[in-house]
Amino acid sequence: MASAPNSQIRTIFITGLQNVHAVEQQALALIDRQLDRLVRYPEIAERLRAHRIETEAQIRRLDDILAALGTRSSSLKDMALSFMGNLAAMGHVVAPDEVLKNQFVNAAFENYEIASYTSLIALADTGAFPSASALLGETLREEVAMAAWVQDSLPDLTRKYAGLRTGGGGASH
């Protein structure tokens, strides 16, 4: 039988895994709403499509970790955060600088995911879940790469947006 501290770490870890699973569902919703509207920004759409595939793999990794722990994701959390992701992305639709606002949200969201996975890895290490730690580390590396891309792409995106806007054409999406 597990000691009380290890049992408590396991419970905290599972809750964190379920929470980040829901966050990844939210990420899919955010990505999908943006992909619907990126006609003038194919370079952004291309990277978001690639990250969507990564996100689906990240969800599968989380499902595998949860299954190994004898549990599963929280459908209620997944549904609620997916809905919130849709609302967040739709909130920018009326803004003339929608594409910029969405990229700001992407930057914040990726850094939130980095913090979440960093914390989960610490819990996995504390609770002696080495296979989970390795899978979470793989996801963390993907999120760090995406966050760097979002940040690095922002100056060019801003210049492109400004050029389209000042050129008299539509620039929002």
N, C-alpha and C. Protein backbone atom coordinates (compact mmCIF):
# COMPACT_ATOMS: atom_id res chain seq x y z
N MET A 1 0.84 -1.18 0.00
CA MET A 1 0.00 0.00 0.00
C MET A 1 0.88 1.24 0.00
N ALA A 2 0.51 2.22 -0.78
CA ALA A 2 1.30 3.46 -0.88
C ALA A 2 1.20 4.25 0.41
N SER A 3 2.29 4.93 0.73
CA SER A 3 2.27 5.78 1.92
C SER A 3 1.36 6.97 1.65
N ALA A 4 0.90 7.60 2.71
CA ALA A 4 -0.02 8.74 2.57
C ALA A 4 0.57 9.84 1.71
N PRO A 5 1.85 10.24 1.92
CA PRO A 5 2.38 11.30 1.06
C PRO A 5 2.40 10.91 -0.41
N ASN A 6 2.80 9.65 -0.72
CA ASN A 6 2.82 9.22 -2.12
C ASN A 6 1.42 9.15 -2.69
N SER A 7 0.47 8.73 -1.90
CA SER A 7 -0.93 8.69 -2.33
C SER A 7 -1.44 10.10 -2.62
N GLN A 8 -1.05 11.03 -1.78
CA GLN A 8 -1.47 12.42 -1.99
C GLN A 8 -0.80 13.01 -3.24
N ILE A 9 0.48 12.70 -3.44
CA ILE A 9 1.19 13.16 -4.66
C ILE A 9 0.50 12.59 -5.88
N ARG A 10 0.13 11.32 -5.83
CA ARG A 10 -0.56 10.68 -6.96
C ARG A 10 -1.87 11.41 -7.26
N THR A 11 -2.64 11.74 -6.24
CA THR A 11 -3.91 12.44 -6.42
C THR A 11 -3.68 13.83 -7.02
N ILE A 12 -2.70 14.53 -6.51
CA ILE A 12 -2.37 15.87 -7.05
C ILE A 12 -1.93 15.74 -8.51
N PHE A 13 -1.12 14.72 -8.79
CA PHE A 13 -0.62 14.49 -10.14
C PHE A 13 -1.76 14.19 -11.10
N ILE A 14 -2.67 13.32 -10.70
CA ILE A 14 -3.81 12.98 -11.57
C ILE A 14 -4.67 14.21 -11.84
N THR A 15 -4.92 14.99 -10.82
CA THR A 15 -5.70 16.22 -11.02
C THR A 15 -5.00 17.15 -12.00
N GLY A 16 -3.70 17.29 -11.85
CA GLY A 16 -2.94 18.13 -12.78
C GLY A 16 -2.99 17.60 -14.20
N LEU A 17 -2.89 16.29 -14.35
CA LEU A 17 -2.98 15.67 -15.68
C LEU A 17 -4.35 15.91 -16.31
N GLN A 18 -5.39 15.76 -15.51
CA GLN A 18 -6.74 16.00 -16.02
C GLN A 18 -6.92 17.47 -16.40
N ASN A 19 -6.35 18.35 -15.60
CA ASN A 19 -6.45 19.77 -15.90
C ASN A 19 -5.73 20.12 -17.20
N VAL A 20 -4.52 19.60 -17.39
CA VAL A 20 -3.78 19.94 -18.60
C VAL A 20 -4.40 19.25 -19.82
N HIS A 21 -5.02 18.11 -19.62
CA HIS A 21 -5.76 17.46 -20.71
C HIS A 21 -6.86 18.40 -21.21
N ALA A 22 -7.56 19.01 -20.27
CA ALA A 22 -8.60 19.98 -20.63
C ALA A 22 -8.00 21.21 -21.30
N VAL A 23 -6.84 21.64 -20.84
CA VAL A 23 -6.15 22.77 -21.47
C VAL A 23 -5.80 22.44 -22.92
N GLU A 24 -5.38 21.21 -23.17
CA GLU A 24 -5.07 20.82 -24.55
C GLU A 24 -6.33 20.79 -25.41
N GLN A 25 -7.46 20.43 -24.83
CA GLN A 25 -8.73 20.51 -25.57
C GLN A 25 -9.03 21.97 -25.91
N GLN A 26 -8.75 22.85 -24.97
CA GLN A 26 -8.93 24.28 -25.21
C GLN A 26 -8.00 24.75 -26.32
N ALA A 27 -6.79 24.24 -26.33
CA ALA A 27 -5.82 24.60 -27.38
C ALA A 27 -6.36 24.21 -28.76
N LEU A 28 -6.93 23.02 -28.86
CA LEU A 28 -7.50 22.60 -30.15
C LEU A 28 -8.59 23.56 -30.61
N ALA A 29 -9.44 23.96 -29.69
CA ALA A 29 -10.52 24.89 -30.03
C ALA A 29 -9.95 26.23 -30.48
N LEU A 30 -8.96 26.73 -29.78
CA LEU A 30 -8.33 28.00 -30.17
C LEU A 30 -7.70 27.90 -31.56
N ILE A 31 -6.99 26.82 -31.80
CA ILE A 31 -6.34 26.63 -33.09
C ILE A 31 -7.39 26.54 -34.20
N ASP A 32 -8.42 25.73 -33.97
CA ASP A 32 -9.45 25.54 -35.02
C ASP A 32 -10.13 26.85 -35.38
N ARG A 33 -10.47 27.66 -34.40
CA ARG A 33 -11.13 28.94 -34.71
C ARG A 33 -10.19 29.86 -35.49
N GLN A 34 -8.90 29.82 -35.17
CA GLN A 34 -7.96 30.66 -35.91
C GLN A 34 -7.77 30.15 -37.33
N LEU A 35 -7.68 28.85 -37.50
CA LEU A 35 -7.48 28.28 -38.83
C LEU A 35 -8.64 28.62 -39.76
N ASP A 36 -9.82 28.78 -39.20
CA ASP A 36 -10.99 29.15 -40.00
C ASP A 36 -10.83 30.53 -40.64
N ARG A 37 -9.89 31.36 -40.11
CA ARG A 37 -9.88 32.76 -40.50
C ARG A 37 -8.51 33.29 -40.93
N LEU A 38 -7.58 32.46 -41.29
CA LEU A 38 -6.22 32.93 -41.60
C LEU A 38 -5.90 32.96 -43.10
N VAL A 39 -6.81 33.46 -43.87
CA VAL A 39 -6.66 33.47 -45.33
C VAL A 39 -5.41 34.24 -45.78
N ARG A 40 -5.16 35.39 -45.20
CA ARG A 40 -4.03 36.24 -45.62
C ARG A 40 -2.72 35.91 -44.92
N TYR A 41 -2.74 34.92 -44.05
CA TYR A 41 -1.56 34.59 -43.25
C TYR A 41 -1.26 33.08 -43.33
N PRO A 42 -0.93 32.59 -44.52
CA PRO A 42 -0.72 31.14 -44.68
C PRO A 42 0.44 30.60 -43.84
N GLU A 43 1.43 31.44 -43.56
CA GLU A 43 2.56 30.98 -42.74
C GLU A 43 2.14 30.71 -41.30
N ILE A 44 1.20 31.49 -40.81
CA ILE A 44 0.67 31.26 -39.47
C ILE A 44 -0.21 30.00 -39.48
N ALA A 45 -1.06 29.90 -40.49
CA ALA A 45 -1.94 28.74 -40.61
C ALA A 45 -1.13 27.44 -40.70
N GLU A 46 -0.06 27.46 -41.46
CA GLU A 46 0.76 26.26 -41.62
C GLU A 46 1.34 25.80 -40.28
N ARG A 47 1.87 26.74 -39.51
CA ARG A 47 2.46 26.36 -38.22
C ARG A 47 1.38 25.93 -37.23
N LEU A 48 0.22 26.58 -37.26
CA LEU A 48 -0.88 26.16 -36.38
C LEU A 48 -1.38 24.76 -36.73
N ARG A 49 -1.43 24.45 -38.03
CA ARG A 49 -1.83 23.10 -38.43
C ARG A 49 -0.85 22.07 -37.88
N ALA A 50 0.44 22.37 -37.98
CA ALA A 50 1.46 21.45 -37.46
C ALA A 50 1.32 21.32 -35.94
N HIS A 51 1.06 22.43 -35.27
CA HIS A 51 0.93 22.36 -33.81
C HIS A 51 -0.36 21.65 -33.40
N ARG A 52 -1.36 21.73 -34.24
CA ARG A 52 -2.60 20.99 -33.96
C ARG A 52 -2.31 19.50 -33.93
N ILE A 53 -1.52 19.03 -34.88
CA ILE A 53 -1.13 17.62 -34.91
C ILE A 53 -0.32 17.27 -33.66
N GLU A 54 0.60 18.16 -33.26
CA GLU A 54 1.35 17.95 -32.02
C GLU A 54 0.41 17.88 -30.82
N THR A 55 -0.56 18.77 -30.79
CA THR A 55 -1.51 18.83 -29.67
C THR A 55 -2.31 17.54 -29.58
N GLU A 56 -2.73 17.00 -30.71
CA GLU A 56 -3.44 15.72 -30.70
C GLU A 56 -2.56 14.61 -30.13
N ALA A 57 -1.27 14.62 -30.48
CA ALA A 57 -0.33 13.63 -29.93
C ALA A 57 -0.13 13.86 -28.43
N GLN A 58 -0.11 15.12 -28.01
CA GLN A 58 0.04 15.42 -26.59
C GLN A 58 -1.16 14.89 -25.80
N ILE A 59 -2.34 15.01 -26.36
CA ILE A 59 -3.54 14.49 -25.70
C ILE A 59 -3.45 12.97 -25.59
N ARG A 60 -2.97 12.31 -26.64
CA ARG A 60 -2.82 10.86 -26.58
C ARG A 60 -1.81 10.46 -25.50
N ARG A 61 -0.72 11.23 -25.38
CA ARG A 61 0.26 10.94 -24.32
C ARG A 61 -0.39 11.08 -22.94
N LEU A 62 -1.16 12.14 -22.76
CA LEU A 62 -1.85 12.33 -21.49
C LEU A 62 -2.83 11.18 -21.21
N ASP A 63 -3.55 10.76 -22.23
CA ASP A 63 -4.47 9.63 -22.08
C ASP A 63 -3.71 8.37 -21.65
N ASP A 64 -2.53 8.16 -22.26
CA ASP A 64 -1.71 7.00 -21.91
C ASP A 64 -1.25 7.06 -20.46
N ILE A 65 -0.81 8.23 -20.03
CA ILE A 65 -0.35 8.40 -18.65
C ILE A 65 -1.51 8.16 -17.68
N LEU A 66 -2.65 8.76 -17.98
CA LEU A 66 -3.83 8.59 -17.11
C LEU A 66 -4.25 7.12 -17.06
N ALA A 67 -4.25 6.44 -18.20
CA ALA A 67 -4.62 5.02 -18.23
C ALA A 67 -3.65 4.19 -17.40
N ALA A 68 -2.36 4.50 -17.48
CA ALA A 68 -1.36 3.77 -16.69
C ALA A 68 -1.58 3.97 -15.20
N LEU A 69 -2.20 5.09 -14.84
CA LEU A 69 -2.51 5.37 -13.44
C LEU A 69 -3.90 4.85 -13.05
N GLY A 70 -4.57 4.20 -14.01
CA GLY A 70 -5.87 3.61 -13.72
C GLY A 70 -7.03 4.59 -13.72
N THR A 71 -6.88 5.67 -14.47
CA THR A 71 -7.94 6.68 -14.51
C THR A 71 -8.02 7.25 -15.92
N ARG A 72 -8.80 8.30 -16.08
CA ARG A 72 -8.94 8.93 -17.40
C ARG A 72 -9.18 10.43 -17.22
N SER A 73 -9.29 11.10 -18.35
CA SER A 73 -9.52 12.55 -18.33
C SER A 73 -10.91 12.87 -17.80
N SER A 74 -11.11 14.12 -17.48
CA SER A 74 -12.42 14.59 -17.01
C SER A 74 -13.18 15.17 -18.19
N SER A 75 -14.23 14.48 -18.61
CA SER A 75 -15.03 14.96 -19.74
C SER A 75 -15.61 16.34 -19.47
N LEU A 76 -16.01 16.59 -18.24
CA LEU A 76 -16.58 17.89 -17.89
C LEU A 76 -15.53 19.00 -18.05
N LYS A 77 -14.33 18.77 -17.53
CA LYS A 77 -13.26 19.77 -17.68
C LYS A 77 -12.92 19.97 -19.15
N ASP A 78 -12.80 18.86 -19.90
CA ASP A 78 -12.48 18.95 -21.32
C ASP A 78 -13.52 19.79 -22.06
N MET A 79 -14.79 19.52 -21.81
CA MET A 79 -15.87 20.23 -22.50
C MET A 79 -15.88 21.72 -22.11
N ALA A 80 -15.72 21.98 -20.83
CA ALA A 80 -15.77 23.37 -20.37
C ALA A 80 -14.63 24.19 -20.96
N LEU A 81 -13.42 23.67 -20.95
CA LEU A 81 -12.30 24.45 -21.47
C LEU A 81 -12.32 24.54 -22.99
N SER A 82 -12.83 23.52 -23.66
CA SER A 82 -12.98 23.60 -25.12
C SER A 82 -13.95 24.73 -25.47
N PHE A 83 -15.04 24.80 -24.73
CA PHE A 83 -16.01 25.87 -24.93
C PHE A 83 -15.37 27.23 -24.69
N MET A 84 -14.57 27.34 -23.63
CA MET A 84 -13.89 28.61 -23.32
C MET A 84 -12.90 28.98 -24.43
N GLY A 85 -12.24 27.99 -25.00
CA GLY A 85 -11.32 28.24 -26.11
C GLY A 85 -12.04 28.81 -27.31
N ASN A 86 -13.21 28.26 -27.61
CA ASN A 86 -14.02 28.78 -28.71
C ASN A 86 -14.44 30.21 -28.44
N LEU A 87 -14.87 30.48 -27.24
CA LEU A 87 -15.29 31.84 -26.89
C LEU A 87 -14.12 32.83 -26.98
N ALA A 88 -12.98 32.42 -26.48
CA ALA A 88 -11.81 33.32 -26.51
C ALA A 88 -11.43 33.67 -27.94
N ALA A 89 -11.38 32.69 -28.81
CA ALA A 89 -11.01 32.96 -30.20
C ALA A 89 -12.08 33.79 -30.90
N MET A 90 -13.34 33.52 -30.61
CA MET A 90 -14.42 34.26 -31.26
C MET A 90 -14.49 35.70 -30.77
N GLY A 91 -13.97 35.95 -29.58
CA GLY A 91 -13.99 37.30 -29.03
C GLY A 91 -13.16 38.29 -29.83
N HIS A 92 -12.21 37.80 -30.59
CA HIS A 92 -11.35 38.68 -31.38
C HIS A 92 -11.87 38.90 -32.80
N VAL A 93 -12.88 38.17 -33.21
CA VAL A 93 -13.37 38.22 -34.59
C VAL A 93 -13.75 39.64 -35.00
N VAL A 94 -14.31 40.41 -34.10
CA VAL A 94 -14.76 41.76 -34.44
C VAL A 94 -13.63 42.78 -34.42
N ALA A 95 -12.49 42.42 -33.92
CA ALA A 95 -11.36 43.36 -33.83
C ALA A 95 -10.68 43.48 -35.18
N PRO A 96 -10.36 44.70 -35.60
CA PRO A 96 -9.66 44.84 -36.88
C PRO A 96 -8.27 44.22 -36.85
N ASP A 97 -7.67 44.09 -35.68
CA ASP A 97 -6.35 43.48 -35.54
C ASP A 97 -6.46 42.07 -34.95
N GLU A 98 -7.49 41.36 -35.37
CA GLU A 98 -7.76 40.01 -34.86
C GLU A 98 -6.54 39.11 -34.91
N VAL A 99 -5.82 39.12 -36.02
CA VAL A 99 -4.68 38.22 -36.19
C VAL A 99 -3.59 38.51 -35.15
N LEU A 100 -3.38 39.77 -34.83
CA LEU A 100 -2.39 40.12 -33.81
C LEU A 100 -2.86 39.70 -32.43
N LYS A 101 -4.11 40.00 -32.11
CA LYS A 101 -4.65 39.63 -30.80
C LYS A 101 -4.59 38.11 -30.60
N ASN A 102 -4.91 37.36 -31.64
CA ASN A 102 -4.84 35.91 -31.54
C ASN A 102 -3.39 35.45 -31.28
N GLN A 103 -2.43 36.10 -31.91
CA GLN A 103 -1.04 35.71 -31.69
C GLN A 103 -0.59 36.07 -30.27
N PHE A 104 -1.11 37.16 -29.73
CA PHE A 104 -0.80 37.50 -28.33
C PHE A 104 -1.36 36.41 -27.40
N VAL A 105 -2.58 35.97 -27.69
CA VAL A 105 -3.18 34.90 -26.89
C VAL A 105 -2.37 33.61 -27.05
N ASN A 106 -1.93 33.33 -28.26
CA ASN A 106 -1.11 32.14 -28.49
C ASN A 106 0.17 32.19 -27.64
N ALA A 107 0.79 33.35 -27.58
CA ALA A 107 2.01 33.49 -26.78
C ALA A 107 1.73 33.21 -25.31
N ALA A 108 0.67 33.79 -24.80
CA ALA A 108 0.30 33.58 -23.40
C ALA A 108 -0.07 32.11 -23.15
N PHE A 109 -0.82 31.55 -24.06
CA PHE A 109 -1.30 30.18 -23.89
C PHE A 109 -0.14 29.19 -23.90
N GLU A 110 0.78 29.36 -24.83
CA GLU A 110 1.94 28.46 -24.90
C GLU A 110 2.76 28.54 -23.62
N ASN A 111 2.93 29.71 -23.09
CA ASN A 111 3.70 29.86 -21.84
C ASN A 111 2.94 29.27 -20.65
N TYR A 112 1.62 29.34 -20.67
CA TYR A 112 0.82 28.67 -19.64
C TYR A 112 1.04 27.16 -19.71
N GLU A 113 1.03 26.63 -20.92
CA GLU A 113 1.27 25.19 -21.09
C GLU A 113 2.67 24.80 -20.62
N ILE A 114 3.65 25.62 -20.92
CA ILE A 114 5.02 25.36 -20.46
C ILE A 114 5.06 25.28 -18.94
N ALA A 115 4.43 26.22 -18.28
CA ALA A 115 4.39 26.21 -16.81
C ALA A 115 3.67 24.96 -16.31
N SER A 116 2.57 24.59 -16.95
CA SER A 116 1.80 23.42 -16.53
C SER A 116 2.63 22.15 -16.64
N TYR A 117 3.31 21.97 -17.78
CA TYR A 117 4.10 20.76 -17.97
C TYR A 117 5.34 20.74 -17.08
N THR A 118 5.92 21.89 -16.83
CA THR A 118 7.06 21.96 -15.91
C THR A 118 6.63 21.50 -14.52
N SER A 119 5.48 21.95 -14.07
CA SER A 119 4.95 21.56 -12.78
C SER A 119 4.62 20.06 -12.75
N LEU A 120 4.00 19.55 -13.81
CA LEU A 120 3.66 18.13 -13.86
C LEU A 120 4.90 17.24 -13.84
N ILE A 121 5.95 17.67 -14.52
CA ILE A 121 7.20 16.90 -14.50
C ILE A 121 7.77 16.86 -13.08
N ALA A 122 7.70 17.97 -12.38
CA ALA A 122 8.17 17.99 -10.98
C ALA A 122 7.34 17.02 -10.13
N LEU A 123 6.03 16.99 -10.35
CA LEU A 123 5.18 16.05 -9.62
C LEU A 123 5.50 14.60 -10.00
N ALA A 124 5.71 14.35 -11.29
CA ALA A 124 6.05 13.00 -11.74
C ALA A 124 7.36 12.54 -11.11
N ASP A 125 8.33 13.43 -11.04
CA ASP A 125 9.61 13.08 -10.41
C ASP A 125 9.45 12.86 -8.92
N THR A 126 8.67 13.70 -8.27
CA THR A 126 8.43 13.58 -6.83
C THR A 126 7.69 12.29 -6.50
N GLY A 127 6.72 11.93 -7.33
CA GLY A 127 5.91 10.74 -7.09
C GLY A 127 6.48 9.48 -7.69
N ALA A 128 7.66 9.58 -8.29
CA ALA A 128 8.31 8.42 -8.92
C ALA A 128 7.46 7.81 -10.03
N PHE A 129 7.10 8.65 -10.99
CA PHE A 129 6.39 8.21 -12.20
C PHE A 129 7.30 8.49 -13.40
N PRO A 130 8.41 7.72 -13.54
CA PRO A 130 9.41 8.06 -14.56
C PRO A 130 8.91 7.98 -16.00
N SER A 131 8.03 7.03 -16.31
CA SER A 131 7.54 6.96 -17.69
C SER A 131 6.67 8.18 -18.00
N ALA A 132 5.92 8.64 -17.01
CA ALA A 132 5.11 9.85 -17.21
C ALA A 132 6.03 11.06 -17.41
N SER A 133 7.08 11.13 -16.63
CA SER A 133 8.02 12.25 -16.73
C SER A 133 8.61 12.34 -18.13
N ALA A 134 8.97 11.20 -18.70
CA ALA A 134 9.55 11.19 -20.05
C ALA A 134 8.54 11.67 -21.09
N LEU A 135 7.30 11.20 -21.00
CA LEU A 135 6.27 11.63 -21.95
C LEU A 135 5.95 13.11 -21.79
N LEU A 136 5.87 13.56 -20.56
CA LEU A 136 5.60 14.98 -20.32
C LEU A 136 6.76 15.85 -20.80
N GLY A 137 7.98 15.34 -20.67
CA GLY A 137 9.15 16.07 -21.17
C GLY A 137 9.11 16.26 -22.67
N GLU A 138 8.63 15.25 -23.38
CA GLU A 138 8.48 15.35 -24.83
C GLU A 138 7.49 16.46 -25.19
N THR A 139 6.38 16.50 -24.49
CA THR A 139 5.39 17.54 -24.73
C THR A 139 5.94 18.91 -24.36
N LEU A 140 6.65 18.99 -23.24
CA LEU A 140 7.24 20.27 -22.83
C LEU A 140 8.16 20.81 -23.92
N ARG A 141 8.98 19.97 -24.51
CA ARG A 141 9.88 20.42 -25.59
C ARG A 141 9.08 20.96 -26.77
N GLU A 142 7.97 20.33 -27.12
CA GLU A 142 7.12 20.82 -28.21
C GLU A 142 6.51 22.17 -27.87
N GLU A 143 6.06 22.32 -26.63
CA GLU A 143 5.46 23.60 -26.23
C GLU A 143 6.49 24.72 -26.19
N VAL A 144 7.68 24.42 -25.74
CA VAL A 144 8.76 25.42 -25.73
C VAL A 144 9.07 25.86 -27.17
N ALA A 145 9.13 24.90 -28.08
CA ALA A 145 9.40 25.23 -29.49
C ALA A 145 8.27 26.08 -30.08
N MET A 146 7.03 25.75 -29.75
CA MET A 146 5.90 26.53 -30.28
C MET A 146 5.91 27.94 -29.69
N ALA A 147 6.18 28.06 -28.39
CA ALA A 147 6.23 29.38 -27.77
C ALA A 147 7.32 30.23 -28.40
N ALA A 148 8.46 29.63 -28.68
CA ALA A 148 9.55 30.37 -29.32
C ALA A 148 9.13 30.80 -30.72
N TRP A 149 8.47 29.92 -31.46
CA TRP A 149 8.03 30.28 -32.80
C TRP A 149 7.02 31.44 -32.75
N VAL A 150 6.06 31.36 -31.84
CA VAL A 150 5.06 32.43 -31.72
C VAL A 150 5.78 33.75 -31.45
N GLN A 151 6.67 33.75 -30.50
CA GLN A 151 7.39 34.98 -30.14
C GLN A 151 8.24 35.48 -31.30
N ASP A 152 8.97 34.57 -31.93
CA ASP A 152 9.85 34.96 -33.04
C ASP A 152 9.07 35.44 -34.26
N SER A 153 7.87 34.92 -34.47
CA SER A 153 7.07 35.29 -35.65
C SER A 153 6.34 36.61 -35.48
N LEU A 154 6.23 37.07 -34.24
CA LEU A 154 5.42 38.26 -33.97
C LEU A 154 5.88 39.53 -34.71
N PRO A 155 7.18 39.83 -34.77
CA PRO A 155 7.57 41.04 -35.51
C PRO A 155 7.19 40.98 -36.99
N ASP A 156 7.45 39.85 -37.65
CA ASP A 156 7.09 39.74 -39.07
C ASP A 156 5.58 39.79 -39.27
N LEU A 157 4.85 39.13 -38.39
CA LEU A 157 3.39 39.16 -38.47
C LEU A 157 2.88 40.59 -38.31
N THR A 158 3.43 41.31 -37.37
CA THR A 158 3.01 42.69 -37.13
C THR A 158 3.30 43.56 -38.35
N ARG A 159 4.48 43.40 -38.93
CA ARG A 159 4.83 44.17 -40.13
C ARG A 159 3.90 43.82 -41.30
N LYS A 160 3.62 42.54 -41.47
CA LYS A 160 2.72 42.13 -42.55
C LYS A 160 1.32 42.71 -42.33
N TYR A 161 0.83 42.62 -41.10
CA TYR A 161 -0.48 43.18 -40.78
C TYR A 161 -0.50 44.68 -41.08
N ALA A 162 0.51 45.40 -40.63
CA ALA A 162 0.57 46.86 -40.85
C ALA A 162 0.64 47.17 -42.34
N GLY A 163 1.40 46.40 -43.08
CA GLY A 163 1.50 46.62 -44.53
C GLY A 163 0.17 46.40 -45.23
N LEU A 164 -0.52 45.33 -44.87
CA LEU A 164 -1.83 45.08 -45.46
C LEU A 164 -2.82 46.17 -45.07
N ARG A 165 -2.77 46.56 -43.83
CA ARG A 165 -3.71 47.58 -43.33
C ARG A 165 -3.48 48.93 -43.99
N THR A 166 -2.22 49.36 -44.07
CA THR A 166 -1.92 50.67 -44.65
C THR A 166 -2.00 50.63 -46.18
N GLY A 167 -1.96 49.43 -46.75
CA GLY A 167 -2.09 49.30 -48.19
C GLY A 167 -3.52 49.34 -48.68
N GLY A 168 -4.44 49.50 -47.77
CA GLY A 168 -5.85 49.63 -48.14
C GLY A 168 -6.58 48.31 -48.25
N GLY A 169 -5.89 47.21 -48.06
CA GLY A 169 -6.55 45.91 -48.15
C GLY A 169 -6.99 45.46 -46.77
N GLY A 170 -7.75 44.42 -46.77
CA GLY A 170 -8.13 43.82 -45.50
C GLY A 170 -6.93 43.18 -44.86
N ALA A 171 -6.83 43.30 -43.57
CA ALA A 171 -5.66 42.76 -42.88
C ALA A 171 -6.02 41.86 -41.72
N SER A 172 -7.27 41.87 -41.31
CA SER A 172 -7.64 41.18 -40.09
C SER A 172 -7.30 39.71 -40.14
N HIS A 173 -7.68 39.06 -41.19
CA HIS A 173 -7.44 37.62 -41.29
C HIS A 173 -7.27 37.28 -42.74
